[in-house]
Structures are given as C-alpha cells and as structure tokens.
C-alpha atoms as a PDB file:
ATOM      1  CA  UNK A   1      15.744 -42.337-102.564  1.00  0.00           C
ATOM      2  CA  UNK A   2      16.723 -42.279 -98.952  1.00  0.00           C
ATOM      3  CA  UNK A   3      14.856 -39.057 -98.644  1.00  0.00           C
ATOM      4  CA  UNK A   4      11.710 -40.677-100.016  1.00  0.00           C
ATOM      5  CA  UNK A   5      11.889 -43.545 -97.549  1.00  0.00           C
ATOM      6  CA  UNK A   6      12.485 -41.055 -94.813  1.00  0.00           C
ATOM      7  CA  UNK A   7       9.410 -39.167 -95.755  1.00  0.00           C
ATOM      8  CA  UNK A   8       7.322 -42.340 -95.839  1.00  0.00           C
ATOM      9  CA  UNK A   9       8.682 -43.334 -92.428  1.00  0.00           C
ATOM     10  CA  UNK A  10       7.873 -39.949 -91.034  1.00  0.00           C
ATOM     11  CA  UNK A  11       4.409 -40.147 -92.482  1.00  0.00           C
ATOM     12  CA  UNK A  12       3.658 -43.488 -90.833  1.00  0.00           C
ATOM     13  CA  UNK A  13       5.147 -42.271 -87.586  1.00  0.00           C
ATOM     14  CA  UNK A  14       2.930 -39.230 -87.671  1.00  0.00           C
ATOM     15  CA  UNK A  15      -0.050 -41.425 -88.472  1.00  0.00           C
ATOM     16  CA  UNK A  16       0.827 -43.724 -85.566  1.00  0.00           C
ATOM     17  CA  UNK A  17       1.231 -40.744 -83.269  1.00  0.00           C
ATOM     18  CA  UNK A  18      -2.024 -39.366 -84.468  1.00  0.00           C
ATOM     19  CA  UNK A  19      -3.781 -42.677 -83.821  1.00  0.00           C
ATOM     20  CA  UNK A  20      -2.205 -42.903 -80.398  1.00  0.00           C
ATOM     21  CA  UNK A  21      -3.341 -39.371 -79.663  1.00  0.00           C
ATOM     22  CA  UNK A  22      -6.840 -40.182 -80.857  1.00  0.00           C
ATOM     23  CA  UNK A  23      -6.935 -43.354 -78.743  1.00  0.00           C
ATOM     24  CA  UNK A  24      -5.844 -41.358 -75.712  1.00  0.00           C
ATOM     25  CA  UNK A  25      -8.543 -38.806 -76.352  1.00  0.00           C
ATOM     26  CA  UNK A  26     -11.099 -41.582 -76.753  1.00  0.00           C
ATOM     27  CA  UNK A  27      -9.984 -43.181 -73.499  1.00  0.00           C
ATOM     28  CA  UNK A  28     -10.128 -39.832 -71.740  1.00  0.00           C
ATOM     29  CA  UNK A  29     -13.625 -39.246 -73.079  1.00  0.00           C
ATOM     30  CA  UNK A  30     -14.707 -42.730 -72.060  1.00  0.00           C
ATOM     31  CA  UNK A  31     -13.293 -42.187 -68.609  1.00  0.00           C
ATOM     32  CA  UNK A  32     -15.034 -38.854 -68.361  1.00  0.00           C
ATOM     33  CA  UNK A  33     -18.259 -40.448 -69.548  1.00  0.00           C
ATOM     34  CA  UNK A  34     -17.945 -43.115 -66.868  1.00  0.00           C
ATOM     35  CA  UNK A  35     -17.236 -40.445 -64.273  1.00  0.00           C
ATOM     36  CA  UNK A  36     -20.201 -38.425 -65.436  1.00  0.00           C
ATOM     37  CA  UNK A  37     -22.433 -41.495 -65.326  1.00  0.00           C
ATOM     38  CA  UNK A  38     -21.299 -42.252 -61.787  1.00  0.00           C
ATOM     39  CA  UNK A  39     -21.890 -38.678 -60.734  1.00  0.00           C
ATOM     40  CA  UNK A  40     -25.311 -38.682 -62.392  1.00  0.00           C
ATOM     41  CA  UNK A  41     -26.243 -41.917 -60.615  1.00  0.00           C
ATOM     42  CA  UNK A  42     -25.015 -40.464 -57.335  1.00  0.00           C
ATOM     43  CA  UNK A  43     -26.991 -37.299 -57.884  1.00  0.00           C
ATOM     44  CA  UNK A  44     -30.060 -39.328 -58.811  1.00  0.00           C
ATOM     45  CA  UNK A  45     -29.739 -41.273 -55.596  1.00  0.00           C
ATOM     46  CA  UNK A  46     -29.449 -38.059 -53.658  1.00  0.00           C
ATOM     47  CA  UNK A  47     -32.409 -36.560 -55.497  1.00  0.00           C
ATOM     48  CA  UNK A  48     -34.512 -39.609 -54.741  1.00  0.00           C
ATOM     49  CA  UNK A  49     -33.905 -39.034 -51.048  1.00  0.00           C
ATOM     50  CA  UNK A  50     -34.546 -35.342 -51.412  1.00  0.00           C
ATOM     51  CA  UNK A  51     -37.775 -35.957 -53.343  1.00  0.00           C
ATOM     52  CA  UNK A  52     -39.056 -38.043 -50.475  1.00  0.00           C
ATOM     53  CA  UNK A  53     -38.000 -35.345 -48.048  1.00  0.00           C
ATOM     54  CA  UNK A  54     -39.619 -32.652 -50.199  1.00  0.00           C
ATOM     55  CA  UNK A  55     -42.855 -34.653 -50.375  1.00  0.00           C
ATOM     56  CA  UNK A  56     -42.763 -35.082 -46.624  1.00  0.00           C
ATOM     57  CA  UNK A  57     -42.150 -31.374 -46.150  1.00  0.00           C
ATOM     58  CA  UNK A  58     -45.014 -30.532 -48.520  1.00  0.00           C
ATOM     59  CA  UNK A  59     -47.300 -32.875 -46.575  1.00  0.00           C
ATOM     60  CA  UNK A  60     -46.282 -31.211 -43.310  1.00  0.00           C
ATOM     61  CA  UNK A  61     -46.787 -27.808 -44.920  1.00  0.00           C
ATOM     62  CA  UNK A  62     -50.322 -28.796 -45.983  1.00  0.00           C
ATOM     63  CA  UNK A  63     -51.116 -29.938 -42.447  1.00  0.00           C
ATOM     64  CA  UNK A  64     -49.749 -26.700 -41.030  1.00  0.00           C
ATOM     65  CA  UNK A  65     -51.798 -24.664 -43.484  1.00  0.00           C
ATOM     66  CA  UNK A  66     -54.933 -26.541 -42.447  1.00  0.00           C
ATOM     67  CA  UNK A  67     -54.110 -25.887 -38.789  1.00  0.00           C
ATOM     68  CA  UNK A  68     -53.525 -22.195 -39.515  1.00  0.00           C
ATOM     69  CA  UNK A  69     -56.847 -21.993 -41.381  1.00  0.00           C
ATOM     70  CA  UNK A  70     -58.609 -23.695 -38.486  1.00  0.00           C
ATOM     71  CA  UNK A  71     -56.992 -21.345 -35.971  1.00  0.00           C
ATOM     72  CA  UNK A  72     -57.996 -18.325 -38.056  1.00  0.00           C
ATOM     73  CA  UNK A  73     -61.585 -19.600 -38.154  1.00  0.00           C
ATOM     74  CA  UNK A  74     -61.514 -20.138 -34.384  1.00  0.00           C
ATOM     75  CA  UNK A  75     -60.155 -16.611 -33.929  1.00  0.00           C
ATOM     76  CA  UNK A  76     -62.972 -15.219 -36.059  1.00  0.00           C
ATOM     77  CA  UNK A  77     -65.527 -17.194 -34.053  1.00  0.00           C
ATOM     78  CA  UNK A  78     -63.922 -15.998 -30.821  1.00  0.00           C
ATOM     79  CA  UNK A  79     -63.993 -12.384 -31.999  1.00  0.00           C
ATOM     80  CA  UNK A  80     -67.632 -12.806 -33.003  1.00  0.00           C
ATOM     81  CA  UNK A  81     -68.419 -14.371 -29.625  1.00  0.00           C
ATOM     82  CA  UNK A  82     -66.734 -11.486 -27.829  1.00  0.00           C
ATOM     83  CA  UNK A  83     -68.679  -9.010 -29.946  1.00  0.00           C
ATOM     84  CA  UNK A  84     -71.941 -10.836 -29.239  1.00  0.00           C
ATOM     85  CA  UNK A  85     -71.109 -10.952 -25.547  1.00  0.00           C
ATOM     86  CA  UNK A  86     -70.485  -7.207 -25.536  1.00  0.00           C
ATOM     87  CA  UNK A  87     -73.818  -6.679 -27.310  1.00  0.00           C
ATOM     88  CA  UNK A  88     -75.491  -8.983 -24.796  1.00  0.00           C
ATOM     89  CA  UNK A  89     -74.069  -7.003 -21.900  1.00  0.00           C
ATOM     90  CA  UNK A  90     -75.222  -3.796 -23.581  1.00  0.00           C
ATOM     91  CA  UNK A  91     -78.728  -5.211 -24.045  1.00  0.00           C
ATOM     92  CA  UNK A  92     -78.775  -6.333 -20.408  1.00  0.00           C
ATOM     93  CA  UNK A  93     -77.904  -2.805 -19.305  1.00  0.00           C
ATOM     94  CA  UNK A  94     -80.644  -1.390 -21.541  1.00  0.00           C
ATOM     95  CA  UNK A  95     -83.146  -3.897 -20.139  1.00  0.00           C
ATOM     96  CA  UNK A  96     -82.235  -2.941 -16.581  1.00  0.00           C
ATOM     97  CA  UNK A  97     -82.609   0.740 -17.479  1.00  0.00           C
ATOM     98  CA  UNK A  98     -86.007   0.074 -19.053  1.00  0.00           C
ATOM     99  CA  UNK A  99     -87.086  -1.918 -15.991  1.00  0.00           C
ATOM    100  CA  UNK A 100     -86.203   1.036 -13.779  1.00  0.00           C
ATOM    101  CA  UNK A 101     -88.081   3.412 -16.085  1.00  0.00           C
ATOM    102  CA  UNK A 102     -91.110   1.093 -16.113  1.00  0.00           C
ATOM    103  CA  UNK A 103     -91.026   0.871 -12.319  1.00  0.00           C
ATOM    104  CA  UNK A 104     -90.856   4.664 -12.113  1.00  0.00           C
ATOM    105  CA  UNK A 105     -93.743   5.024 -14.570  1.00  0.00           C
ATOM    106  CA  UNK A 106     -95.803   2.473 -12.644  1.00  0.00           C
ATOM    107  CA  UNK A 107     -95.195   4.396  -9.447  1.00  0.00           C
ATOM    108  CA  UNK A 108     -96.218   7.620 -11.207  1.00  0.00           C
ATOM    109  CA  UNK A 109     -99.363   5.937 -12.546  1.00  0.00           C
ATOM    110  CA  UNK A 110    -100.282   4.654  -9.090  1.00  0.00           C
ATOM    111  CA  UNK A 111     -99.733   8.109  -7.626  1.00  0.00           C
ATOM    112  CA  UNK A 112    -101.815   9.757 -10.348  1.00  0.00           C
ATOM    113  CA  UNK A 113    -104.572   7.173  -9.919  1.00  0.00           C
ATOM    114  CA  UNK A 114    -104.627   7.962  -6.210  1.00  0.00           C
ATOM    115  CA  UNK A 115    -104.906  11.662  -6.983  1.00  0.00           C
ATOM    116  CA  UNK A 116    -107.696  10.981  -9.495  1.00  0.00           C
ATOM    117  CA  UNK A 117    -109.574   8.884  -6.935  1.00  0.00           C
ATOM    118  CA  UNK A 118    -109.111  11.603  -4.351  1.00  0.00           C
ATOM    119  CA  UNK A 119    -110.402  14.223  -6.775  1.00  0.00           C
ATOM    120  CA  UNK A 120    -113.324  12.033  -7.797  1.00  0.00           C
ATOM    121  CA  UNK A 121    -114.264  11.370  -4.187  1.00  0.00           C
ATOM    122  CA  UNK A 122    -114.066  15.049  -3.293  1.00  0.00           C
ATOM    123  CA  UNK A 123    -116.801  17.427  -4.382  1.00  0.00           C
ATOM    124  CA  UNK A 124    -115.574  19.597  -7.248  1.00  0.00           C
ATOM    125  CA  UNK A 125    -116.568  23.254  -7.228  1.00  0.00           C
ATOM    126  CA  UNK A 126    -119.487  23.886  -9.538  1.00  0.00           C
ATOM    127  CA  UNK A 127    -119.298  26.237 -12.486  1.00  0.00           C
ATOM    128  CA  UNK A 128    -121.518  29.292 -12.824  1.00  0.00           C
ATOM    129  CA  UNK A 129    -123.728  27.482 -15.330  1.00  0.00           C
ATOM    130  CA  UNK A 130    -124.161  24.547 -12.952  1.00  0.00           C
ATOM    131  CA  UNK A 131    -124.985  26.866 -10.066  1.00  0.00           C
ATOM    132  CA  UNK A 132    -127.473  28.782 -12.197  1.00  0.00           C
ATOM    133  CA  UNK A 133    -129.202  25.602 -13.367  1.00  0.00           C
ATOM    134  CA  UNK A 134    -129.161  24.180  -9.826  1.00  0.00           C
ATOM    135  CA  UNK A 135    -130.960  27.253  -8.508  1.00  0.00           C
ATOM    136  CA  UNK A 136    -133.297  27.366 -11.499  1.00  0.00           C
ATOM    137  CA  UNK A 137    -134.281  23.699 -11.179  1.00  0.00           C
ATOM    138  CA  UNK A 138    -134.953  24.081  -7.459  1.00  0.00           C
ATOM    139  CA  UNK A 139    -137.075  27.133  -8.217  1.00  0.00           C
ATOM    140  CA  UNK A 140    -139.006  25.230 -10.901  1.00  0.00           C
ATOM    141  CA  UNK A 141    -139.598  22.296  -8.556  1.00  0.00           C
ATOM    142  CA  UNK A 142    -140.896  24.642  -5.842  1.00  0.00           C
ATOM    143  CA  UNK A 143    -143.103  26.507  -8.298  1.00  0.00           C
ATOM    144  CA  UNK A 144    -144.673  23.323  -9.691  1.00  0.00           C
ATOM    145  CA  UNK A 145    -145.159  21.943  -6.176  1.00  0.00           C
ATOM    146  CA  UNK A 146    -147.019  25.079  -5.113  1.00  0.00           C
ATOM    147  CA  UNK A 147    -149.101  25.175  -8.289  1.00  0.00           C
ATOM    148  CA  UNK A 148    -150.037  21.510  -8.796  1.00  0.00           C
ATOM    149  CA  UNK A 149    -149.117  19.941  -5.492  1.00  0.00           C
ATOM    150  CA  UNK A 150    -146.683  17.655  -7.328  1.00  0.00           C
ATOM    151  CA  UNK A 151    -143.199  16.944  -6.032  1.00  0.00           C
ATOM    152  CA  UNK A 152    -140.465  17.067  -8.678  1.00  0.00           C
ATOM    153  CA  UNK A 153    -137.007  15.532  -8.249  1.00  0.00           C
ATOM    154  CA  UNK A 154    -133.992  15.711 -10.570  1.00  0.00           C
ATOM    155  CA  UNK A 155    -131.392  12.935 -10.756  1.00  0.00           C
ATOM    156  CA  UNK A 156    -127.667  13.672 -10.930  1.00  0.00           C
ATOM    157  CA  UNK A 157    -127.578  12.353 -14.485  1.00  0.00           C
ATOM    158  CA  UNK A 158    -130.441  14.654 -15.516  1.00  0.00           C
ATOM    159  CA  UNK A 159    -128.631  17.635 -14.006  1.00  0.00           C
ATOM    160  CA  UNK A 160    -125.451  16.616 -15.847  1.00  0.00           C
ATOM    161  CA  UNK A 161    -127.328  16.197 -19.134  1.00  0.00           C
ATOM    162  CA  UNK A 162    -129.097  19.526 -18.940  1.00  0.00           C
ATOM    163  CA  UNK A 163    -125.914  21.379 -17.935  1.00  0.00           C
ATOM    164  CA  UNK A 164    -124.143  19.845 -20.932  1.00  0.00           C
ATOM    165  CA  UNK A 165    -126.877  20.884 -23.367  1.00  0.00           C
ATOM    166  CA  UNK A 166    -127.701  24.306 -21.942  1.00  0.00           C
ATOM    167  CA  UNK A 167    -124.103  25.475 -21.455  1.00  0.00           C
ATOM    168  CA  UNK A 168    -123.839  26.066 -25.223  1.00  0.00           C
ATOM    169  CA  UNK A 169    -127.571  26.653 -25.925  1.00  0.00           C
ATOM    170  CA  UNK A 170    -128.711  29.353 -23.467  1.00  0.00           C
ATOM    171  CA  UNK A 171    -132.354  29.546 -24.608  1.00  0.00           C
ATOM    172  CA  UNK A 172    -132.878  25.804 -24.302  1.00  0.00           C
ATOM    173  CA  UNK A 173    -133.578  26.078 -20.576  1.00  0.00           C
ATOM    174  CA  UNK A 174    -136.482  28.428 -21.241  1.00  0.00           C
ATOM    175  CA  UNK A 175    -137.850  25.921 -23.760  1.00  0.00           C
ATOM    176  CA  UNK A 176    -137.627  23.185 -21.112  1.00  0.00           C
ATOM    177  CA  UNK A 177    -139.461  25.345 -18.531  1.00  0.00           C
ATOM    178  CA  UNK A 178    -142.149  26.128 -21.097  1.00  0.00           C
ATOM    179  CA  UNK A 179    -142.607  22.422 -21.913  1.00  0.00           C
ATOM    180  CA  UNK A 180    -142.701  21.566 -18.209  1.00  0.00           C
ATOM    181  CA  UNK A 181    -145.438  24.117 -17.602  1.00  0.00           C
ATOM    182  CA  UNK A 182    -147.483  22.405 -20.317  1.00  0.00           C
ATOM    183  CA  UNK A 183    -146.720  18.952 -18.981  1.00  0.00           C
ATOM    184  CA  UNK A 184    -150.286  17.756 -19.551  1.00  0.00           C
ATOM    185  CA  UNK A 185    -150.020  18.276 -23.317  1.00  0.00           C
ATOM    186  CA  UNK A 186    -146.317  17.553 -23.886  1.00  0.00           C
ATOM    187  CA  UNK A 187    -146.040  14.434 -21.727  1.00  0.00           C
ATOM    188  CA  UNK A 188    -146.406  10.895 -23.054  1.00  0.00           C
ATOM    189  CA  UNK A 189    -146.102   7.408 -21.556  1.00  0.00           C
ATOM    190  CA  UNK A 190    -143.253   5.482 -23.213  1.00  0.00           C
ATOM    191  CA  UNK A 191    -142.951   2.228 -21.273  1.00  0.00           C
ATOM    192  CA  UNK A 192    -144.771   0.383 -18.545  1.00  0.00           C
ATOM    193  CA  UNK A 193    -142.698  -2.724 -17.781  1.00  0.00           C
ATOM    194  CA  UNK A 194    -140.779  -2.428 -14.519  1.00  0.00           C
ATOM    195  CA  UNK A 195    -141.840   1.182 -13.996  1.00  0.00           C
ATOM    196  CA  UNK A 196    -143.775   3.883 -15.757  1.00  0.00           C
ATOM    197  CA  UNK A 197    -141.474   5.931 -17.965  1.00  0.00           C
ATOM    198  CA  UNK A 198    -142.651   9.207 -19.504  1.00  0.00           C
ATOM    199  CA  UNK A 199    -141.186  11.822 -21.754  1.00  0.00           C
ATOM    200  CA  UNK A 200    -141.772  15.548 -22.191  1.00  0.00           C
ATOM    201  CA  UNK A 201    -141.322  16.941 -25.682  1.00  0.00           C
ATOM    202  CA  UNK A 202    -139.137  20.059 -25.694  1.00  0.00           C
ATOM    203  CA  UNK A 203    -139.276  22.015 -28.939  1.00  0.00           C
ATOM    204  CA  UNK A 204    -136.477  24.538 -29.421  1.00  0.00           C
ATOM    205  CA  UNK A 205    -134.629  26.442 -32.159  1.00  0.00           C
ATOM    206  CA  UNK A 206    -131.837  23.899 -31.680  1.00  0.00           C
ATOM    207  CA  UNK A 207    -134.024  20.913 -32.516  1.00  0.00           C
ATOM    208  CA  UNK A 208    -136.262  18.417 -30.752  1.00  0.00           C
ATOM    209  CA  UNK A 209    -135.287  17.434 -27.203  1.00  0.00           C
ATOM    210  CA  UNK A 210    -136.748  14.987 -24.738  1.00  0.00           C
ATOM    211  CA  UNK A 211    -136.890  15.073 -20.936  1.00  0.00           C
ATOM    212  CA  UNK A 212    -137.364  11.538 -19.575  1.00  0.00           C
ATOM    213  CA  UNK A 213    -138.942  11.050 -16.142  1.00  0.00           C
ATOM    214  CA  UNK A 214    -140.421   8.289 -14.012  1.00  0.00           C
ATOM    215  CA  UNK A 215    -143.289   8.292 -11.545  1.00  0.00           C
ATOM    216  CA  UNK A 216    -142.152   7.282  -8.086  1.00  0.00           C
ATOM    217  CA  UNK A 217    -145.663   7.523  -6.670  1.00  0.00           C
ATOM    218  CA  UNK A 218    -148.913   9.321  -7.381  1.00  0.00           C
ATOM    219  CA  UNK A 219    -147.608  12.785  -6.526  1.00  0.00           C
ATOM    220  CA  UNK A 220    -143.852  12.396  -7.109  1.00  0.00           C
ATOM    221  CA  UNK A 221    -141.918  12.331 -10.387  1.00  0.00           C
ATOM    222  CA  UNK A 222    -138.196  12.163 -10.982  1.00  0.00           C
ATOM    223  CA  UNK A 223    -136.536  13.478 -14.100  1.00  0.00           C
ATOM    224  CA  UNK A 224    -133.844  10.979 -15.148  1.00  0.00           C
ATOM    225  CA  UNK A 225    -132.374  12.000 -18.527  1.00  0.00           C
ATOM    226  CA  UNK A 226    -132.306  14.923 -20.945  1.00  0.00           C
ATOM    227  CA  UNK A 227    -131.018  15.134 -24.499  1.00  0.00           C
ATOM    228  CA  UNK A 228    -131.722  15.330 -28.201  1.00  0.00           C
ATOM    229  CA  UNK A 229    -134.553  13.071 -29.308  1.00  0.00           C
ATOM    230  CA  UNK A 230    -132.643  10.564 -31.438  1.00  0.00           C
ATOM    231  CA  UNK A 231    -129.518  10.330 -29.283  1.00  0.00           C
ATOM    232  CA  UNK A 232    -131.346   9.999 -25.949  1.00  0.00           C
ATOM    233  CA  UNK A 233    -133.526   7.137 -27.210  1.00  0.00           C
ATOM    234  CA  UNK A 234    -130.482   5.344 -28.656  1.00  0.00           C
ATOM    235  CA  UNK A 235    -128.641   5.634 -25.337  1.00  0.00           C
ATOM    236  CA  UNK A 236    -131.622   4.337 -23.378  1.00  0.00           C
ATOM    237  CA  UNK A 237    -132.111   1.421 -25.785  1.00  0.00           C
ATOM    238  CA  UNK A 238    -128.425   0.541 -25.369  1.00  0.00           C
ATOM    239  CA  UNK A 239    -128.644   0.455 -21.557  1.00  0.00           C
ATOM    240  CA  UNK A 240    -132.030  -1.285 -21.462  1.00  0.00           C
ATOM    241  CA  UNK A 241    -133.781   1.832 -20.171  1.00  0.00           C
ATOM    242  CA  UNK A 242    -131.995   1.541 -16.861  1.00  0.00           C
ATOM    243  CA  UNK A 243    -131.515   4.664 -14.755  1.00  0.00           C
ATOM    244  CA  UNK A 244    -129.241   3.148 -12.098  1.00  0.00           C
END
C-alpha cells in the first residue's frame, strides 16, 4: 500500500518536474525569441542606414561613369583632332611643294617661250626643197617677165603652201609651171570687190589644185595662196578672202 502511494507520489513529482522543465524551456525560448527580435530590429536599422549609403554610392558611381564616358569621348575627339592636325600639316607641306614645282614650271615655260620667240624672230635655215623651189620660182618669174613683160611676185604664204604640197608630190611643180605658161587659158577671175582675185587651174595626177593671185597693177601680179581646190576655197571663205 505504502509502495503504491510512493509510486503515485513519485509520478506526480516527475510530472511536476517535467512541467517545470518545460516551463523553463518555454521561457528560454521566449527569451531567445525576444533577443532574436531585438537583434533583427537592430540589424534592420543598420541595413536601413546601409541601404541609403549604398544608394548614395550607386548614385556617385553613376556620376563617375558618366564622367569617365565623357572623358573617353573627349580623348577620342582630341586624338581625332591631333590626327587631323597632322594631316593638315602634311597637306600644307604638299601644297608648299606643289607651289615650288609650279613656280619652277612657270619659270621653265617663260624660258622656253623666250627661246621660241628668239627662234621665231631668227631666220631658220631653209631645207633643200625650199631652196629648190625658191630658185625655181625666181627663175619662173624672170622667164615670164622676159617673155610677157609681166612682173610676178610670190607671197610668203604662197611659198609656204607650195613647199608643203610639192615636198611630197615632186611632179606637182612641173604641173604648176605648165599651168602658169598657159595662164591665158587656165586663169579665171573669181572676185572683184576690194581687189581683183584670180585663180589658175593646175591639173595634176594628184588631183585639181588652184593657184590664187591678185593684180597689183596692170603689169604686176602676186601669187597669194596655193592648194587643193576644195580645201583652198574653204580656207579663203573662212578668212573672208583676206591675204594679210
């Protein structure tokens, strides 16, 4: 009996101890929970301050990035400017070089023009063909003067024309002499405006030629031009039949 009561007493004691232990554990947990809550609130407060600081730092970082980007753009512009300046200096040097070359060329041109003028003003030696024709024309003029009493003159342009044509057509000169000897039948009046202009028809194996002359007076004629029929008339039409 006593043993049964003892067991019951022990049971309730163990239950009481167990409850006390549980209450202690609950209190410890509650205390820990309070501590954790305090620590969480403290950390939250700290984080709030840090968030503001982080936002501020991010804002500063954005500004710095913008400044860096701007500086990089300025550096690129500066590099481009330096490159352009170097190109400009190079172009300036090329321009100066070209100016010197142009000045040299101008001086050469002036010198060559002077030489050309000097050569043009001096009498050039005549070729064999020119000398032959010169002698032949003088002989023809003398022969006609003795035969018909007519004075014949030859202009510089006529001499130039006949040299040009005869130099590559050797028998043409004989055809001209033959036509000149038959002047009465081969001659024809072309114009009578400012002066009387005549032509002599020269027939040759090379085609039809014309010798154009003017009458200076009753007994004097001057041969002015010589050439192929079509070309000589075209040239005279173009210059208004002027022999100046």
